[in-house]
Amino acid sequence: MTERGLVKRYWPEAILAAALALPWISLIGLGLVWLWQQNALLPWTIGAAVLGLAAIPLLPARGRETAAAAKAAVAAMVPDVPDWDRNAKTAMVAVQTIAETATPLTFDDLDQALNLGQRTIEAVAAVYHPDRPHAWAHFTLPEALLLTEHLAATLRRETLRSFPGARVFRLDHVLRIREGHHRYGSAVRWVTRVGWRVTRIGRVVLSPASALAAEAKALVLDRTSTLLSERARRHATRLLVIELGRTAIELYSGRLVLSATELSDAAAAEAVGATGASDDAPLRVMLAGAINAGKSSTLNALAGEIRGEVSPLPGRNDVVEHIVRQDGKPVLVLVDPPGIGPDAARNARLETLAHRADMVLWVISATQPARQSDVAALRALRSSFAAELDRRPPPILVVLTHIDQLRPAAEWNPPYNVVTPRGRKETMIAEALREVARELDMPEDAVVPVALAPGRDTYNIDMLWGSIAQRLAESRSRQLERIRAGRSGLSLREVAGQLSGSVRLITRLVTKG
């Protein structure tokens, strides 16, 4: 929009703002006139200067900043990114340390700014690639281009948010201002200096006391503006370090492997049996547990229909995936592997499947006291998750089945309060829940007791769904990290396509040349 267009559009608002502001602004001039009429202007000026001079000793104290204050100021700038992994959090701690101790930039020394940026980037790179001699250069060309794209989008957003008139202020305006500065800048600066000196000399000749008060006031204002300028530069420097560190974390963590469109396509490919791309890929939820622990019953209860065989016989040796749909859209993929047991190969397969899962439901029977296989398998699974430094482990929920068979077995009159149990059945369920949580090293709120006996209404499935919902955000973060990691390797199909594209490009260049 042009300047004339702005005037036409906003002239009522401008008149209203002027009508409201002018009476208050005029009080400044009217107050000075009143002081002059009362012969009190000089005493008021001297008093203001004396108060300002008395406050000067406080300025250095206010200019100094304690380590605790610097730490708190930098911590307030750190973006809240809940899906950061351990490496990202460690790298941000290093970035915060640099921001806390950085000397405020003057923004006219390019080398100072470049050195600070290099320190920040190297600190982040050292966390992700500590053993590489040139850790800062450990990224691909597509990642660097994608980083440029993200930075350009961020700069555009901040420009529109923070620079008045950014949509109408064109680059030719800058060129005209620059031409005027080159043509008249030296003359304007000379006139300003001469005029200021003449004013100061004239004040001394006409009124020495007024001149002294004015000089004192100028000294106070100069010291105050210097302090405020240093604070502003310090804040801008820290903001620059934090933003640069955050961007470097995105780069070196591999989170920029895929663009938004590529990530959406990869997420759509996760939807097993989906008819088209969806905004969110269905979460992969793996059911693990010993044979006859109640995995099939849990799967059927979650799916809302018979999906797995409910039988006391040992289960299958294959892996089956079931899609849970809502309004025709896949929301969950329930991965049903064979039950754990003494077979080491089967348990290793379970770990492989768990690394492709976004959540794990560990099904365990309340009536089965021998849980050594569950404890060992879960410990091994946690160890394998801990080795994945580039992504967080999936949340784990324990589904405690067969609670209806606890003593007294003949009693079944739900609901039961396991928080403050009173009857014998409630007490047995609460004790079983605490015992399982202790053996599996799980928090008690991550253990959900259920009853899924055939021919009887399911019990506490709503609570299980609620526990799953509470961990959706964590599961989504795990899913995104898993998809990025899965698409960061070398794809033969992609290489073949790139070779074909390069041949076509060379052919066009040769034929046109």
Protein backbone atom coordinates (compact mmCIF):
# COMPACT_ATOMS: atom_id res chain seq x y z
CA MET A 1 0.00 0.00 0.00
CA THR A 2 1.35 3.48 -0.94
CA GLU A 3 1.73 6.43 1.43
CA ARG A 4 -1.34 8.05 -0.13
CA GLY A 5 -3.27 4.82 0.37
CA LEU A 6 -2.26 4.72 4.03
CA VAL A 7 -3.46 8.30 4.54
CA LYS A 8 -6.80 7.56 2.89
CA ARG A 9 -7.33 4.43 4.93
CA TYR A 10 -6.20 5.55 8.38
CA TRP A 11 -6.94 9.32 8.48
CA PRO A 12 -9.85 8.93 10.99
CA GLU A 13 -7.61 6.97 13.34
CA ALA A 14 -4.84 9.55 12.97
CA ILE A 15 -7.19 12.42 13.82
CA LEU A 16 -8.55 10.52 16.83
CA ALA A 17 -5.04 9.74 18.11
CA ALA A 18 -3.99 13.39 17.71
CA ALA A 19 -7.12 14.62 19.49
CA LEU A 20 -6.40 12.35 22.44
CA ALA A 21 -2.64 12.93 22.64
CA LEU A 22 -2.24 16.66 21.93
CA PRO A 23 -3.86 17.91 25.19
CA TRP A 24 -1.45 15.81 27.27
CA ILE A 25 1.58 16.67 25.16
CA SER A 26 0.74 20.35 25.45
CA LEU A 27 1.04 20.10 29.24
CA ILE A 28 4.82 19.89 28.85
CA GLY A 29 5.03 23.20 27.03
CA LEU A 30 2.39 24.84 29.24
CA GLY A 31 4.23 23.67 32.35
CA LEU A 32 7.49 25.20 31.16
CA VAL A 33 5.68 28.48 30.35
CA TRP A 34 4.11 28.51 33.82
CA LEU A 35 7.48 27.91 35.48
CA TRP A 36 8.97 30.76 33.42
CA GLN A 37 6.11 33.11 34.41
CA GLN A 38 6.61 32.22 38.05
CA ASN A 39 10.38 32.80 37.74
CA ALA A 40 10.80 29.18 38.81
CA LEU A 41 12.20 27.71 35.62
CA LEU A 42 15.84 28.16 36.69
CA PRO A 43 15.37 26.69 40.20
CA TRP A 44 13.42 23.76 38.69
CA THR A 45 16.21 23.12 36.16
CA ILE A 46 18.89 23.29 38.87
CA GLY A 47 16.88 20.96 41.12
CA ALA A 48 16.41 18.46 38.32
CA ALA A 49 20.13 18.56 37.53
CA VAL A 50 21.10 18.09 41.21
CA LEU A 51 18.80 15.07 41.53
CA GLY A 52 20.23 13.65 38.34
CA LEU A 53 23.82 14.13 39.52
CA ALA A 54 22.96 12.48 42.83
CA ALA A 55 21.68 9.46 40.92
CA ILE A 56 24.84 9.09 38.79
CA PRO A 57 26.64 6.88 41.37
CA LEU A 58 23.75 4.43 41.10
CA LEU A 59 24.20 3.98 37.34
CA PRO A 60 27.34 1.80 37.45
CA ALA A 61 25.69 -0.43 40.04
CA ARG A 62 22.65 -0.81 37.83
CA GLY A 63 24.91 -1.44 34.85
CA ARG A 64 26.62 -4.36 36.53
CA GLU A 65 24.84 -7.68 36.36
CA THR A 66 25.29 -10.62 38.69
CA ALA A 67 25.83 -14.12 37.37
CA ALA A 68 22.47 -15.18 38.78
CA ALA A 69 20.68 -12.30 37.02
CA ALA A 70 22.42 -13.13 33.73
CA LYS A 71 21.44 -16.78 34.08
CA ALA A 72 17.81 -15.86 34.75
CA ALA A 73 17.71 -13.38 31.86
CA VAL A 74 19.08 -15.93 29.38
CA ALA A 75 16.82 -18.72 30.67
CA ALA A 76 13.79 -16.53 29.93
CA MET A 77 14.89 -16.33 26.26
CA VAL A 78 15.22 -20.07 25.72
CA PRO A 79 12.38 -21.36 23.55
CA ASP A 80 10.12 -24.01 25.04
CA VAL A 81 10.54 -27.01 22.74
CA PRO A 82 8.98 -30.02 24.48
CA ASP A 83 10.12 -32.51 21.83
CA TRP A 84 13.85 -31.85 22.24
CA ASP A 85 15.95 -34.94 22.96
CA ARG A 86 18.82 -35.20 25.44
CA ASN A 87 21.46 -33.97 23.01
CA ALA A 88 19.38 -30.91 22.15
CA LYS A 89 18.96 -30.01 25.81
CA THR A 90 22.69 -30.49 26.47
CA ALA A 91 23.57 -28.31 23.48
CA MET A 92 21.19 -25.57 24.62
CA VAL A 93 22.88 -25.53 28.05
CA ALA A 94 26.21 -24.86 26.29
CA VAL A 95 24.55 -22.12 24.21
CA GLN A 96 23.09 -20.53 27.35
CA THR A 97 26.54 -20.43 28.95
CA ILE A 98 27.90 -18.55 25.94
CA ALA A 99 24.95 -16.13 26.01
CA GLU A 100 25.42 -15.43 29.73
CA THR A 101 29.10 -14.50 29.39
CA ALA A 102 29.12 -12.87 25.95
CA THR A 103 30.34 -9.29 25.71
CA PRO A 104 27.56 -7.09 24.27
CA LEU A 105 28.11 -6.58 20.55
CA THR A 106 28.56 -3.08 19.18
CA PHE A 107 27.13 -4.26 15.83
CA ASP A 108 29.74 -2.24 13.96
CA ASP A 109 32.49 -4.84 14.44
CA LEU A 110 31.77 -7.69 12.05
CA ASP A 111 34.64 -9.84 13.33
CA GLN A 112 33.29 -9.72 16.88
CA ALA A 113 29.88 -10.92 15.73
CA LEU A 114 31.37 -13.65 13.51
CA ASN A 115 33.57 -14.95 16.32
CA LEU A 116 30.59 -15.14 18.69
CA GLY A 117 28.53 -16.96 16.06
CA GLN A 118 31.38 -19.40 15.40
CA ARG A 119 31.69 -20.19 19.12
CA THR A 120 27.96 -20.87 19.34
CA ILE A 121 27.86 -23.14 16.32
CA GLU A 122 30.96 -25.08 17.38
CA ALA A 123 29.52 -25.61 20.86
CA VAL A 124 26.40 -27.20 19.39
CA ALA A 125 28.32 -29.27 16.84
CA ALA A 126 30.63 -30.61 19.55
CA VAL A 127 27.65 -32.11 21.39
CA TYR A 128 26.36 -34.00 18.37
CA HIS A 129 29.69 -34.94 16.77
CA PRO A 130 32.35 -34.86 19.52
CA ASP A 131 34.77 -37.16 17.70
CA ARG A 132 34.79 -35.40 14.33
CA PRO A 133 37.66 -33.00 13.52
CA HIS A 134 35.36 -30.62 11.62
CA ALA A 135 32.14 -31.14 13.55
CA TRP A 136 30.69 -27.76 12.49
CA ALA A 137 30.68 -28.89 8.82
CA HIS A 138 28.78 -32.13 9.44
CA PHE A 139 25.68 -31.38 7.35
CA THR A 140 24.56 -31.95 3.79
CA LEU A 141 23.85 -29.42 1.07
CA PRO A 142 20.06 -30.06 1.14
CA GLU A 143 20.12 -29.51 4.92
CA ALA A 144 21.98 -26.21 4.48
CA LEU A 145 19.48 -25.08 1.83
CA LEU A 146 16.57 -26.11 4.04
CA LEU A 147 18.15 -24.17 6.90
CA THR A 148 18.33 -21.10 4.64
CA GLU A 149 14.68 -21.56 3.81
CA HIS A 150 13.73 -21.72 7.50
CA LEU A 151 15.84 -18.67 8.36
CA ALA A 152 14.32 -16.68 5.49
CA ALA A 153 10.81 -17.55 6.70
CA THR A 154 11.74 -16.56 10.27
CA LEU A 155 13.28 -13.26 9.15
CA ARG A 156 10.21 -12.44 7.06
CA ARG A 157 7.91 -13.15 10.00
CA GLU A 158 9.98 -11.04 12.41
CA THR A 159 10.27 -8.21 9.86
CA LEU A 160 6.50 -8.02 9.44
CA ARG A 161 6.04 -8.22 13.20
CA SER A 162 8.68 -5.74 14.35
CA PHE A 163 9.29 -3.16 11.57
CA PRO A 164 6.55 -0.55 11.07
CA GLY A 165 5.78 0.08 7.42
CA ALA A 166 7.69 -3.00 6.27
CA ARG A 167 5.04 -3.74 3.63
CA VAL A 168 5.22 -0.24 2.10
CA PHE A 169 8.87 0.72 2.69
CA ARG A 170 10.62 -0.23 -0.55
CA LEU A 171 14.31 -0.72 -1.21
CA ASP A 172 14.42 2.34 -3.47
CA HIS A 173 13.55 4.39 -0.37
CA VAL A 174 16.72 3.08 1.26
CA LEU A 175 18.73 3.95 -1.84
CA ARG A 176 17.38 7.52 -1.87
CA ILE A 177 18.19 7.94 1.83
CA ARG A 178 21.66 6.59 1.22
CA GLU A 179 22.20 8.97 -1.70
CA GLY A 180 21.03 11.88 0.42
CA HIS A 181 23.34 10.82 3.23
CA HIS A 182 26.35 10.71 0.88
CA ARG A 183 25.43 14.07 -0.64
CA TYR A 184 24.40 16.11 2.41
CA GLY A 185 25.47 14.04 5.41
CA SER A 186 28.75 15.82 6.12
CA ALA A 187 27.12 19.27 5.80
CA VAL A 188 24.26 18.29 8.15
CA ARG A 189 26.73 16.95 10.73
CA TRP A 190 28.84 20.14 10.50
CA VAL A 191 25.79 22.39 10.95
CA THR A 192 24.62 20.29 13.90
CA ARG A 193 27.99 20.46 15.66
CA VAL A 194 28.34 24.22 15.07
CA GLY A 195 24.77 24.90 16.18
CA TRP A 196 25.21 22.86 19.37
CA ARG A 197 28.42 24.68 20.24
CA VAL A 198 26.88 28.08 19.60
CA THR A 199 23.92 27.12 21.80
CA ARG A 200 26.18 26.07 24.66
CA ILE A 201 28.28 29.26 24.40
CA GLY A 202 25.16 31.43 24.25
CA ARG A 203 23.76 29.77 27.37
CA VAL A 204 26.96 30.48 29.28
CA VAL A 205 26.93 34.15 28.22
CA LEU A 206 23.25 34.75 28.95
CA SER A 207 22.82 32.66 32.08
CA PRO A 208 25.80 30.82 33.61
CA ALA A 209 23.66 29.10 36.24
CA SER A 210 21.19 27.84 33.62
CA ALA A 211 24.09 26.65 31.47
CA LEU A 212 25.57 24.73 34.40
CA ALA A 213 22.23 23.07 35.11
CA ALA A 214 21.78 22.18 31.43
CA GLU A 215 25.26 20.64 31.25
CA ALA A 216 24.55 18.56 34.37
CA LYS A 217 21.27 17.40 32.92
CA ALA A 218 22.98 16.47 29.64
CA LEU A 219 25.59 14.49 31.58
CA VAL A 220 22.88 12.53 33.40
CA LEU A 221 20.98 11.85 30.20
CA ASP A 222 24.19 10.78 28.43
CA ARG A 223 25.13 8.34 31.21
CA THR A 224 21.58 6.99 31.35
CA SER A 225 21.37 6.55 27.59
CA THR A 226 24.75 4.78 27.64
CA LEU A 227 23.44 2.39 30.30
CA LEU A 228 20.23 1.74 28.40
CA SER A 229 22.19 1.26 25.19
CA GLU A 230 24.43 -1.32 26.85
CA ARG A 231 21.43 -3.17 28.21
CA ALA A 232 19.76 -3.17 24.81
CA ARG A 233 22.96 -4.43 23.16
CA ARG A 234 23.35 -7.10 25.83
CA HIS A 235 19.77 -8.26 25.30
CA ALA A 236 20.18 -8.26 21.51
CA THR A 237 23.46 -10.20 21.77
CA ARG A 238 21.94 -12.86 23.97
CA LEU A 239 18.90 -13.14 21.74
CA LEU A 240 21.19 -13.59 18.74
CA VAL A 241 23.17 -16.36 20.48
CA ILE A 242 20.05 -18.21 21.63
CA GLU A 243 18.38 -18.05 18.21
CA LEU A 244 21.56 -19.08 16.43
CA GLY A 245 22.02 -21.95 18.89
CA ARG A 246 18.43 -23.12 18.42
CA THR A 247 18.85 -23.11 14.65
CA ALA A 248 22.16 -24.99 14.94
CA ILE A 249 20.46 -27.62 17.11
CA GLU A 250 17.83 -28.10 14.42
CA LEU A 251 20.60 -28.56 11.85
CA TYR A 252 23.02 -30.87 13.66
CA SER A 253 20.29 -32.99 15.25
CA GLY A 254 19.07 -33.98 11.78
CA ARG A 255 15.67 -32.38 12.31
CA LEU A 256 16.10 -30.50 9.04
CA VAL A 257 16.45 -33.67 6.99
CA LEU A 258 12.91 -33.24 5.67
CA SER A 259 10.94 -30.19 4.69
CA ALA A 260 7.35 -29.80 5.85
CA THR A 261 6.04 -31.31 2.60
CA GLU A 262 8.51 -34.22 2.71
CA LEU A 263 7.67 -34.86 6.36
CA SER A 264 3.96 -34.90 5.54
CA ASP A 265 4.57 -37.40 2.74
CA ALA A 266 6.63 -39.60 5.03
CA ALA A 267 3.94 -39.45 7.69
CA ALA A 268 1.29 -40.43 5.15
CA ALA A 269 3.40 -43.44 4.19
CA GLU A 270 3.21 -44.54 7.83
CA ALA A 271 -0.57 -44.95 7.53
CA VAL A 272 -0.83 -48.65 6.78
CA GLY A 273 -3.83 -49.11 4.54
CA ALA A 274 -4.66 -45.41 4.46
CA THR A 275 -6.43 -44.32 1.31
CA GLY A 276 -4.72 -40.95 1.12
CA ALA A 277 -2.41 -38.56 2.86
CA SER A 278 -3.49 -37.39 6.26
CA ASP A 279 -2.37 -34.55 8.49
CA ASP A 280 -1.18 -36.96 11.18
CA ALA A 281 0.11 -40.45 10.64
CA PRO A 282 -1.42 -43.05 12.94
CA LEU A 283 0.66 -43.76 16.01
CA ARG A 284 2.32 -47.15 16.15
CA VAL A 285 1.47 -48.78 19.49
CA MET A 286 3.21 -52.07 20.24
CA LEU A 287 1.71 -54.58 22.67
CA ALA A 288 4.35 -56.56 24.52
CA GLY A 289 4.15 -59.14 27.26
CA ALA A 290 4.45 -62.78 28.16
CA ILE A 291 2.42 -65.52 26.55
CA ASN A 292 -1.15 -65.67 27.91
CA ALA A 293 -0.76 -62.31 29.69
CA GLY A 294 -3.85 -60.97 27.89
CA LYS A 295 -2.35 -59.18 24.87
CA SER A 296 -5.05 -60.38 22.47
CA SER A 297 -7.82 -59.38 24.87
CA THR A 298 -6.25 -55.94 25.26
CA LEU A 299 -5.93 -55.56 21.49
CA ASN A 300 -9.59 -56.52 20.96
CA ALA A 301 -10.75 -54.11 23.67
CA LEU A 302 -8.79 -51.21 22.14
CA ALA A 303 -9.91 -52.01 18.61
CA GLY A 304 -13.52 -52.39 19.71
CA GLU A 305 -13.91 -55.68 17.88
CA ILE A 306 -12.43 -59.17 17.69
CA ARG A 307 -9.00 -58.79 16.12
CA GLY A 308 -6.91 -61.42 17.92
CA GLU A 309 -7.61 -64.89 19.18
CA VAL A 310 -8.33 -65.09 22.90
CA SER A 311 -7.05 -68.51 23.91
CA PRO A 312 -5.06 -70.11 26.72
CA LEU A 313 -2.84 -71.79 24.11
CA PRO A 314 0.59 -70.31 23.21
CA GLY A 315 0.37 -67.55 20.63
CA ARG A 316 1.64 -67.15 17.09
CA ASN A 317 5.22 -66.68 15.94
CA ASP A 318 4.35 -63.94 13.45
CA VAL A 319 3.71 -60.21 13.83
CA VAL A 320 0.30 -58.76 12.99
CA GLU A 321 -0.60 -55.08 12.62
CA HIS A 322 -4.16 -53.90 13.23
CA ILE A 323 -5.52 -50.49 12.23
CA VAL A 324 -7.85 -48.63 14.60
CA ARG A 325 -9.93 -46.09 12.69
CA GLN A 326 -11.97 -43.14 13.86
CA ASP A 327 -14.37 -41.43 11.44
CA GLY A 328 -12.77 -43.48 8.67
CA LYS A 329 -9.29 -42.16 9.48
CA PRO A 330 -6.53 -44.44 10.85
CA VAL A 331 -5.54 -43.19 14.31
CA LEU A 332 -3.59 -46.16 15.70
CA VAL A 333 -1.64 -49.07 14.33
CA LEU A 334 -1.61 -51.78 16.99
CA VAL A 335 1.45 -53.97 16.52
CA ASP A 336 0.90 -57.43 17.96
CA PRO A 337 4.16 -59.45 18.18
CA PRO A 338 4.54 -62.91 19.70
CA GLY A 339 4.77 -63.09 23.48
CA ILE A 340 8.13 -62.84 25.18
CA GLY A 341 9.76 -65.94 26.59
CA PRO A 342 13.04 -67.85 26.76
CA ASP A 343 13.64 -67.52 22.99
CA ALA A 344 16.44 -64.91 22.62
CA ALA A 345 15.77 -64.42 18.90
CA ARG A 346 12.11 -63.67 19.56
CA ASN A 347 13.00 -61.14 22.24
CA ALA A 348 15.52 -59.48 19.89
CA ARG A 349 12.76 -59.20 17.30
CA LEU A 350 10.65 -57.50 19.94
CA GLU A 351 13.35 -54.84 20.43
CA THR A 352 13.46 -54.21 16.67
CA LEU A 353 9.70 -53.72 16.58
CA ALA A 354 9.80 -51.48 19.65
CA HIS A 355 12.26 -49.14 17.92
CA ARG A 356 9.59 -48.59 15.24
CA ALA A 357 6.91 -47.91 17.87
CA ASP A 358 5.68 -44.60 19.23
CA MET A 359 4.22 -46.14 22.41
CA VAL A 360 4.57 -49.48 24.16
CA LEU A 361 1.76 -51.19 26.08
CA TRP A 362 3.33 -53.82 28.32
CA VAL A 363 0.63 -56.33 29.18
CA ILE A 364 1.15 -58.29 32.38
CA SER A 365 -1.15 -60.62 34.29
CA ALA A 366 -2.03 -59.80 37.89
CA THR A 367 -2.34 -63.52 38.66
CA GLN A 368 1.08 -64.52 37.31
CA PRO A 369 3.71 -64.14 40.07
CA ALA A 370 6.67 -65.21 37.89
CA ARG A 371 7.65 -61.99 36.13
CA GLN A 372 11.39 -62.49 35.64
CA SER A 373 11.00 -62.65 31.85
CA ASP A 374 9.05 -59.36 31.84
CA VAL A 375 11.63 -57.65 34.03
CA ALA A 376 14.56 -58.87 31.92
CA ALA A 377 12.91 -58.02 28.58
CA LEU A 378 11.85 -54.55 29.74
CA ARG A 379 15.33 -53.83 31.12
CA ALA A 380 16.91 -54.84 27.81
CA LEU A 381 14.40 -52.69 25.93
CA ARG A 382 15.19 -49.64 28.05
CA SER A 383 18.91 -50.14 27.49
CA SER A 384 18.43 -50.24 23.73
CA PHE A 385 16.32 -47.07 23.89
CA ALA A 386 19.02 -45.33 25.94
CA ALA A 387 21.51 -46.00 23.13
CA GLU A 388 19.39 -43.90 20.73
CA LEU A 389 20.79 -40.48 21.57
CA ASP A 390 19.08 -38.82 18.61
CA ARG A 391 15.52 -39.57 19.74
CA ARG A 392 13.56 -40.03 22.90
CA PRO A 393 12.25 -43.42 24.04
CA PRO A 394 8.56 -44.13 23.49
CA PRO A 395 6.33 -43.84 26.54
CA ILE A 396 5.57 -47.18 28.20
CA LEU A 397 2.27 -48.07 29.86
CA VAL A 398 1.67 -51.26 31.82
CA VAL A 399 -1.71 -52.91 31.31
CA LEU A 400 -2.43 -55.05 34.39
CA THR A 401 -4.90 -57.72 33.25
CA HIS A 402 -6.89 -60.44 35.05
CA ILE A 403 -7.59 -58.27 38.10
CA ASP A 404 -11.05 -59.85 38.26
CA GLN A 405 -9.38 -63.17 39.10
CA LEU A 406 -7.64 -61.82 42.21
CA ARG A 407 -8.92 -63.02 45.56
CA PRO A 408 -11.73 -63.28 46.38
CA ALA A 409 -12.11 -64.68 42.86
CA ALA A 410 -15.89 -65.04 43.16
CA GLU A 411 -16.33 -61.33 43.91
CA TRP A 412 -16.64 -58.95 40.98
CA ASN A 413 -18.62 -55.82 41.60
CA PRO A 414 -16.82 -52.89 39.93
CA PRO A 415 -15.92 -50.09 40.06
CA TYR A 416 -13.06 -50.38 42.53
CA ASN A 417 -11.11 -47.58 44.18
CA VAL A 418 -7.42 -48.54 44.23
CA VAL A 419 -6.29 -45.16 45.56
CA THR A 420 -8.03 -45.59 48.95
CA PRO A 421 -9.02 -49.27 48.98
CA ARG A 422 -11.46 -50.52 51.59
CA GLY A 423 -12.70 -53.98 50.72
CA ARG A 424 -10.53 -57.05 50.25
CA LYS A 425 -10.86 -57.02 46.44
CA GLU A 426 -9.85 -53.38 46.22
CA THR A 427 -6.91 -54.04 48.54
CA MET A 428 -5.70 -56.97 46.44
CA ILE A 429 -5.91 -54.92 43.23
CA ALA A 430 -4.04 -51.99 44.82
CA GLU A 431 -1.32 -54.30 46.18
CA ALA A 432 -0.92 -56.01 42.78
CA LEU A 433 -0.64 -52.60 41.09
CA ARG A 434 2.06 -51.39 43.50
CA GLU A 435 3.97 -54.67 43.28
CA VAL A 436 4.04 -54.62 39.47
CA ALA A 437 5.11 -50.97 39.45
CA ARG A 438 7.97 -51.80 41.84
CA GLU A 439 9.15 -54.88 39.92
CA LEU A 440 9.07 -53.17 36.53
CA ASP A 441 10.44 -49.85 37.90
CA MET A 442 7.41 -47.93 36.66
CA PRO A 443 5.49 -45.07 38.26
CA GLU A 444 2.18 -46.24 39.70
CA ASP A 445 0.18 -43.91 37.46
CA ALA A 446 1.68 -45.73 34.44
CA VAL A 447 0.06 -49.03 35.55
CA VAL A 448 -3.58 -49.40 34.49
CA PRO A 449 -5.59 -52.30 35.98
CA VAL A 450 -8.17 -53.78 33.58
CA ALA A 451 -10.52 -56.75 33.36
CA LEU A 452 -11.20 -58.19 29.90
CA ALA A 453 -12.82 -61.56 30.56
CA PRO A 454 -14.83 -62.98 27.61
CA GLY A 455 -18.60 -62.75 28.04
CA ARG A 456 -18.29 -59.87 30.53
CA ASP A 457 -18.18 -56.10 30.09
CA THR A 458 -14.66 -54.74 29.86
CA TYR A 459 -13.49 -52.82 32.89
CA ASN A 460 -11.29 -49.71 32.97
CA ILE A 461 -10.65 -49.49 29.22
CA ASP A 462 -11.70 -45.84 29.42
CA MET A 463 -8.91 -45.24 31.93
CA LEU A 464 -6.46 -47.00 29.59
CA TRP A 465 -7.53 -44.75 26.71
CA GLY A 466 -7.14 -41.73 29.01
CA SER A 467 -3.60 -42.78 29.96
CA ILE A 468 -2.78 -43.18 26.26
CA ALA A 469 -4.21 -39.71 25.54
CA GLN A 470 -2.06 -38.15 28.29
CA ARG A 471 1.03 -39.41 26.49
CA LEU A 472 0.00 -38.47 22.96
CA ALA A 473 2.25 -35.41 22.77
CA GLU A 474 5.28 -37.45 23.84
CA SER A 475 4.35 -40.18 21.34
CA ARG A 476 3.96 -37.63 18.51
CA SER A 477 7.43 -36.26 19.26
CA ARG A 478 8.84 -39.78 19.20
CA GLN A 479 7.05 -40.41 15.89
CA LEU A 480 8.51 -37.33 14.21
CA GLU A 481 12.03 -38.18 15.39
CA ARG A 482 11.59 -41.75 14.18
CA ILE A 483 10.35 -40.64 10.74
CA ARG A 484 13.23 -38.16 10.36
CA ALA A 485 15.78 -40.80 11.32
CA GLY A 486 14.22 -43.28 8.91
CA ARG A 487 14.43 -40.87 5.99
CA SER A 488 17.96 -39.56 6.63
CA GLY A 489 19.83 -42.54 5.16
CA LEU A 490 20.81 -43.32 1.59
CA SER A 491 17.92 -44.44 -0.61
CA LEU A 492 18.80 -46.31 -3.78
CA ARG A 493 15.53 -45.23 -5.37
CA GLU A 494 16.29 -41.59 -4.58
CA VAL A 495 19.85 -41.91 -5.93
CA ALA A 496 18.50 -43.46 -9.14
CA GLY A 497 16.10 -40.57 -9.54
CA GLN A 498 18.88 -38.06 -8.91
CA LEU A 499 21.09 -39.71 -11.53
CA SER A 500 18.24 -39.60 -14.02
CA GLY A 501 17.66 -35.93 -13.27
CA SER A 502 21.36 -35.09 -13.65
CA VAL A 503 21.46 -36.85 -17.05
CA ARG A 504 18.45 -34.82 -18.23
CA LEU A 505 20.06 -31.60 -16.98
CA ILE A 506 23.38 -32.33 -18.76
CA THR A 507 21.50 -33.24 -21.94
CA ARG A 508 19.62 -29.94 -21.92
CA LEU A 509 22.82 -27.97 -21.31
CA VAL A 510 24.64 -29.76 -24.14
CA THR A 511 21.81 -29.40 -26.66
CA LYS A 512 21.26 -25.73 -25.85
CA GLY A 513 24.97 -24.99 -25.76
